[in-house]
N, C-alpha and C. Protein backbone atom coordinates (compact mmCIF):
# COMPACT_ATOMS: atom_id res chain seq x y z
N UNK A 1 109.86 99.30 95.99
CA UNK A 1 111.02 99.91 96.74
C UNK A 1 110.61 100.18 98.02
N UNK A 2 109.33 100.30 98.41
CA UNK A 2 109.04 100.63 99.95
C UNK A 2 109.33 99.29 100.85
N UNK A 3 108.97 98.23 100.11
CA UNK A 3 109.23 96.81 101.05
C UNK A 3 110.63 96.59 101.28
N UNK A 4 111.66 96.97 100.22
CA UNK A 4 112.92 96.88 100.31
C UNK A 4 113.48 97.70 101.76
N UNK A 5 113.00 98.99 101.77
CA UNK A 5 113.37 99.85 102.97
C UNK A 5 112.78 99.17 104.22
N UNK A 6 111.51 98.60 104.19
CA UNK A 6 111.10 97.92 105.28
C UNK A 6 112.02 96.73 105.98
N UNK A 7 112.50 96.01 104.84
CA UNK A 7 113.45 94.90 105.27
C UNK A 7 114.66 95.43 105.84
N UNK A 8 115.23 96.44 105.17
CA UNK A 8 116.47 96.94 106.04
C UNK A 8 116.45 97.51 107.22
N UNK A 9 115.26 98.19 107.46
CA UNK A 9 115.11 98.96 108.80
C UNK A 9 114.45 97.83 109.67
N UNK A 10 113.70 96.94 109.40
CA UNK A 10 113.30 96.03 110.47
C UNK A 10 112.09 96.42 111.14
N UNK A 11 111.88 95.70 112.33
CA UNK A 11 110.72 96.13 113.02
C UNK A 11 110.74 97.52 113.48
N UNK A 12 109.46 98.08 113.64
CA UNK A 12 109.63 99.47 114.07
C UNK A 12 110.39 99.94 115.25
N UNK A 13 111.20 100.92 114.92
CA UNK A 13 112.21 101.39 115.94
C UNK A 13 113.52 100.67 115.98
N UNK A 14 113.75 99.76 114.97
CA UNK A 14 114.97 99.08 115.01
C UNK A 14 115.65 99.32 113.60
N UNK A 15 117.10 98.91 113.69
CA UNK A 15 117.80 99.27 112.51
C UNK A 15 118.77 97.96 112.53
N UNK A 16 119.34 97.34 111.42
CA UNK A 16 120.07 96.36 111.22
C UNK A 16 121.55 97.06 111.04
N UNK A 17 122.52 96.76 111.67
CA UNK A 17 123.72 97.13 111.38
C UNK A 17 124.94 95.94 111.58
N UNK A 18 126.10 96.40 111.61
CA UNK A 18 127.41 95.42 111.62
C UNK A 18 128.51 96.16 112.69
N UNK A 19 128.75 95.11 113.44
CA UNK A 19 129.74 95.46 114.46
C UNK A 19 131.24 95.99 113.88
N UNK A 20 131.60 97.03 114.01
CA UNK A 20 132.97 97.47 113.29
C UNK A 20 134.05 97.64 114.19
N UNK A 21 133.84 97.78 115.85
CA UNK A 21 134.82 97.77 116.66
C UNK A 21 134.23 97.48 118.08
N UNK A 22 135.09 96.63 118.75
CA UNK A 22 134.77 96.17 119.98
C UNK A 22 135.73 96.79 121.04
N UNK A 23 135.27 97.67 121.98
CA UNK A 23 136.19 98.43 123.05
C UNK A 23 136.34 97.39 124.13
N UNK A 24 137.67 97.37 124.52
CA UNK A 24 137.78 96.64 125.89
C UNK A 24 136.98 97.30 127.00
N UNK A 25 136.60 96.43 128.10
CA UNK A 25 135.71 96.83 128.90
C UNK A 25 136.02 97.97 129.89
N UNK A 26 137.31 98.21 129.76
CA UNK A 26 137.89 99.31 130.62
C UNK A 26 137.68 100.59 129.82
N UNK A 27 137.52 100.67 128.51
CA UNK A 27 137.67 101.88 127.70
C UNK A 27 136.22 102.34 127.48
N UNK A 28 135.99 103.58 127.55
CA UNK A 28 134.87 104.31 127.07
C UNK A 28 135.15 105.25 125.91
N UNK A 29 134.58 104.99 124.78
CA UNK A 29 134.79 105.90 123.58
C UNK A 29 134.43 107.33 123.95
N UNK A 30 135.11 108.30 123.39
CA UNK A 30 134.90 109.63 123.58
C UNK A 30 133.70 110.00 122.82
N UNK A 31 133.19 109.61 121.87
CA UNK A 31 131.94 109.84 121.27
C UNK A 31 130.81 108.89 121.61
N UNK A 32 130.56 108.52 122.69
CA UNK A 32 129.40 107.63 123.15
C UNK A 32 128.08 108.52 123.19
N UNK A 33 127.10 107.97 122.97
CA UNK A 33 125.72 108.75 122.71
C UNK A 33 125.50 109.51 124.29
N UNK A 34 125.05 110.67 124.02
CA UNK A 34 124.45 111.38 125.51
C UNK A 34 123.59 110.69 126.40
N UNK A 35 122.72 109.70 125.67
CA UNK A 35 122.06 109.00 126.90
C UNK A 35 122.51 108.02 127.65
N UNK A 36 123.94 107.58 127.28
CA UNK A 36 124.76 106.62 128.00
C UNK A 36 125.74 107.18 128.90
N UNK A 37 125.72 108.53 128.92
CA UNK A 37 126.77 109.17 130.02
C UNK A 37 126.35 108.93 131.43
N UNK A 38 124.90 108.51 131.58
CA UNK A 38 124.50 108.42 133.04
C UNK A 38 124.71 106.77 133.45
N UNK A 39 125.48 106.11 132.79
CA UNK A 39 126.02 104.87 133.27
C UNK A 39 126.73 104.82 134.65
N UNK A 40 126.40 104.16 135.48
CA UNK A 40 127.15 104.10 136.71
C UNK A 40 128.37 103.19 136.54
N UNK A 41 129.33 103.20 137.56
CA UNK A 41 130.69 102.36 137.35
C UNK A 41 130.26 100.78 137.37
N UNK A 42 129.26 100.56 138.15
CA UNK A 42 128.76 99.10 138.03
C UNK A 42 128.21 98.68 136.94
N UNK A 43 127.54 99.54 136.33
CA UNK A 43 126.70 99.20 135.11
C UNK A 43 127.84 98.99 133.99
N UNK A 44 129.03 100.02 134.06
CA UNK A 44 129.92 99.96 133.04
C UNK A 44 130.82 98.55 133.02
N UNK A 45 130.90 98.24 134.41
CA UNK A 45 131.71 97.11 134.59
C UNK A 45 130.94 95.66 134.10
N UNK A 46 129.73 95.80 133.80
CA UNK A 46 128.97 94.54 133.37
C UNK A 46 128.89 94.41 132.04
N UNK A 47 129.56 95.09 131.07
CA UNK A 47 129.59 95.21 129.61
C UNK A 47 130.86 95.89 129.12
N UNK A 48 130.60 96.15 127.82
CA UNK A 48 131.67 96.94 127.11
C UNK A 48 130.75 97.78 125.88
N UNK A 49 131.53 98.74 125.40
CA UNK A 49 130.98 99.39 124.25
C UNK A 49 131.33 98.73 122.72
N UNK A 50 130.50 98.82 121.99
CA UNK A 50 130.76 98.29 120.44
C UNK A 50 130.31 99.20 119.71
N UNK A 51 131.24 99.63 118.53
CA UNK A 51 130.61 100.48 117.43
C UNK A 51 130.03 99.75 116.40
N UNK A 52 128.71 100.41 116.09
CA UNK A 52 127.91 99.51 115.05
C UNK A 52 127.83 100.58 113.69
N UNK A 53 127.81 100.15 112.70
CA UNK A 53 127.69 100.91 111.54
C UNK A 53 126.34 100.52 110.98
N UNK A 54 125.67 101.52 110.57
CA UNK A 54 124.13 101.50 109.76
C UNK A 54 124.59 102.14 108.54
N UNK A 55 123.94 101.40 107.50
CA UNK A 55 123.97 101.96 106.04
C UNK A 55 122.38 102.39 105.66
N UNK A 56 122.57 103.64 105.27
CA UNK A 56 121.21 104.33 104.86
C UNK A 56 121.53 105.16 103.58
N UNK A 57 120.90 104.45 102.44
CA UNK A 57 120.91 104.70 101.21
C UNK A 57 122.42 104.67 100.78
N UNK A 58 123.11 105.79 100.59
CA UNK A 58 124.43 106.06 100.41
C UNK A 58 125.54 106.40 101.35
N UNK A 59 124.83 106.68 102.53
CA UNK A 59 125.89 107.13 103.70
C UNK A 59 125.83 105.98 104.67
N UNK A 60 126.64 106.35 105.56
CA UNK A 60 126.89 105.08 106.81
C UNK A 60 126.77 106.22 108.11
N UNK A 61 126.57 105.58 108.98
CA UNK A 61 126.49 106.30 110.44
C UNK A 61 127.18 105.35 111.22
N UNK A 62 127.84 105.64 112.17
CA UNK A 62 128.46 104.90 113.20
C UNK A 62 127.78 105.33 114.53
N UNK A 63 127.43 104.24 115.52
CA UNK A 63 126.90 104.41 116.71
C UNK A 63 127.64 103.70 117.75
N UNK A 64 127.91 104.34 118.73
CA UNK A 64 128.59 103.44 119.92
C UNK A 64 127.44 103.05 120.91
N UNK A 65 127.49 101.66 121.08
CA UNK A 65 126.31 101.08 122.08
C UNK A 65 126.87 100.34 123.08
N UNK A 66 126.36 100.56 124.23
CA UNK A 66 126.91 99.74 125.41
C UNK A 66 126.14 98.29 125.39
N UNK A 67 126.93 97.19 125.48
CA UNK A 67 126.38 95.86 125.56
C UNK A 67 126.79 95.18 126.63
N UNK A 68 125.72 94.39 127.31
CA UNK A 68 126.09 93.60 128.58
C UNK A 68 127.05 92.35 128.13
N UNK A 69 127.82 91.96 128.95
CA UNK A 69 128.68 90.79 128.69
C UNK A 69 127.98 89.39 128.32
N UNK A 70 126.70 89.34 128.55
CA UNK A 70 125.79 88.24 128.20
C UNK A 70 125.68 88.05 126.82
N UNK A 71 126.00 89.01 125.78
CA UNK A 71 125.83 88.90 124.51
C UNK A 71 127.54 88.86 123.80
N UNK A 72 127.60 87.76 123.24
CA UNK A 72 129.14 87.70 122.71
C UNK A 72 129.12 88.34 121.17
N UNK A 73 129.72 89.12 120.87
CA UNK A 73 130.03 89.50 119.52
C UNK A 73 131.43 89.47 119.00
N UNK A 74 131.39 89.44 117.75
CA UNK A 74 132.79 89.43 117.14
C UNK A 74 132.61 90.74 115.93
N UNK A 75 133.70 90.98 115.48
CA UNK A 75 133.85 92.18 114.46
C UNK A 75 132.95 91.52 113.24
N UNK A 76 132.08 92.40 112.45
CA UNK A 76 131.45 92.09 111.26
C UNK A 76 130.07 91.41 111.52
N UNK A 77 129.74 91.13 112.84
CA UNK A 77 128.34 90.36 113.12
C UNK A 77 127.40 91.31 112.91
N UNK A 78 126.37 90.70 112.31
CA UNK A 78 125.20 91.54 111.93
C UNK A 78 124.31 91.54 113.26
N UNK A 79 123.64 92.74 113.62
CA UNK A 79 123.10 92.97 114.83
C UNK A 79 121.75 93.68 114.66
N UNK A 80 120.76 93.42 115.42
CA UNK A 80 119.42 94.22 115.22
C UNK A 80 119.57 95.14 116.59
N UNK A 81 119.49 96.42 116.16
CA UNK A 81 119.69 97.59 117.27
C UNK A 81 118.45 98.11 117.64
N UNK A 82 117.80 98.22 118.87
CA UNK A 82 116.56 98.80 119.18
C UNK A 82 116.90 100.29 119.57
N UNK A 83 116.08 101.33 119.19
CA UNK A 83 116.00 102.56 119.64
C UNK A 83 117.85 103.14 119.32
N UNK A 84 118.24 103.06 117.95
CA UNK A 84 119.71 103.17 117.53
C UNK A 84 120.03 104.78 117.99
N UNK A 85 118.99 105.77 118.09
CA UNK A 85 119.41 107.11 118.43
C UNK A 85 118.86 107.49 119.85
N UNK A 86 119.59 108.51 120.32
CA UNK A 86 118.96 108.73 121.60
C UNK A 86 117.82 109.91 121.59
N UNK A 87 116.66 109.48 121.68
CA UNK A 87 115.56 110.33 121.39
C UNK A 87 114.62 110.11 122.86
N UNK A 88 114.37 111.26 123.33
CA UNK A 88 113.88 111.02 124.71
C UNK A 88 114.60 110.12 125.72
N UNK A 89 113.75 109.10 126.40
CA UNK A 89 114.52 108.38 127.30
C UNK A 89 115.04 107.03 126.74
N UNK A 90 114.97 106.64 125.41
CA UNK A 90 115.49 105.57 124.86
C UNK A 90 116.92 105.61 124.51
N UNK A 91 117.42 104.51 124.87
CA UNK A 91 118.93 104.28 124.73
C UNK A 91 119.11 103.10 123.49
N UNK A 92 120.09 103.34 122.88
CA UNK A 92 120.63 102.26 121.85
C UNK A 92 120.80 101.07 122.70
N UNK A 93 120.31 100.00 122.09
CA UNK A 93 120.59 98.65 122.53
C UNK A 93 120.59 97.48 121.52
N UNK A 94 121.44 96.52 121.67
CA UNK A 94 121.45 95.38 120.79
C UNK A 94 120.40 94.34 121.08
N UNK A 95 119.30 94.19 120.39
CA UNK A 95 118.33 93.11 120.69
C UNK A 95 118.66 91.82 120.36
N UNK A 96 119.33 91.73 119.15
CA UNK A 96 119.70 90.18 118.72
C UNK A 96 120.90 90.14 117.72
N UNK A 97 121.68 89.19 117.84
CA UNK A 97 122.61 88.64 116.89
C UNK A 97 121.94 88.31 115.60
N UNK A 98 122.24 88.54 114.38
CA UNK A 98 121.57 88.10 113.36
C UNK A 98 122.33 86.90 112.44
N UNK A 99 123.51 86.80 112.83
CA UNK A 99 124.19 85.64 112.02
C UNK A 99 124.48 84.54 112.76
């Protein structure tokens, strides 16, 4: 059972999730993480927000993550997310697309 959880969570500090929504580059979601509030207008123009769904046992959690334009994503893409929660000065970020 323990090794199954390790496979779902991935490397330390990461989680695997699925892209559920892709926001237009001009739109900022109302429930974006507090640690991303400090993005400047120049930083916001260099990417867009995506909503990622994580499954944990029987529950689901949705997190909005800012992604640079260099990563091309589609709905339902599986992604590896580093620091999925705003803890300290860590910001959620997509490390890799997995499919």
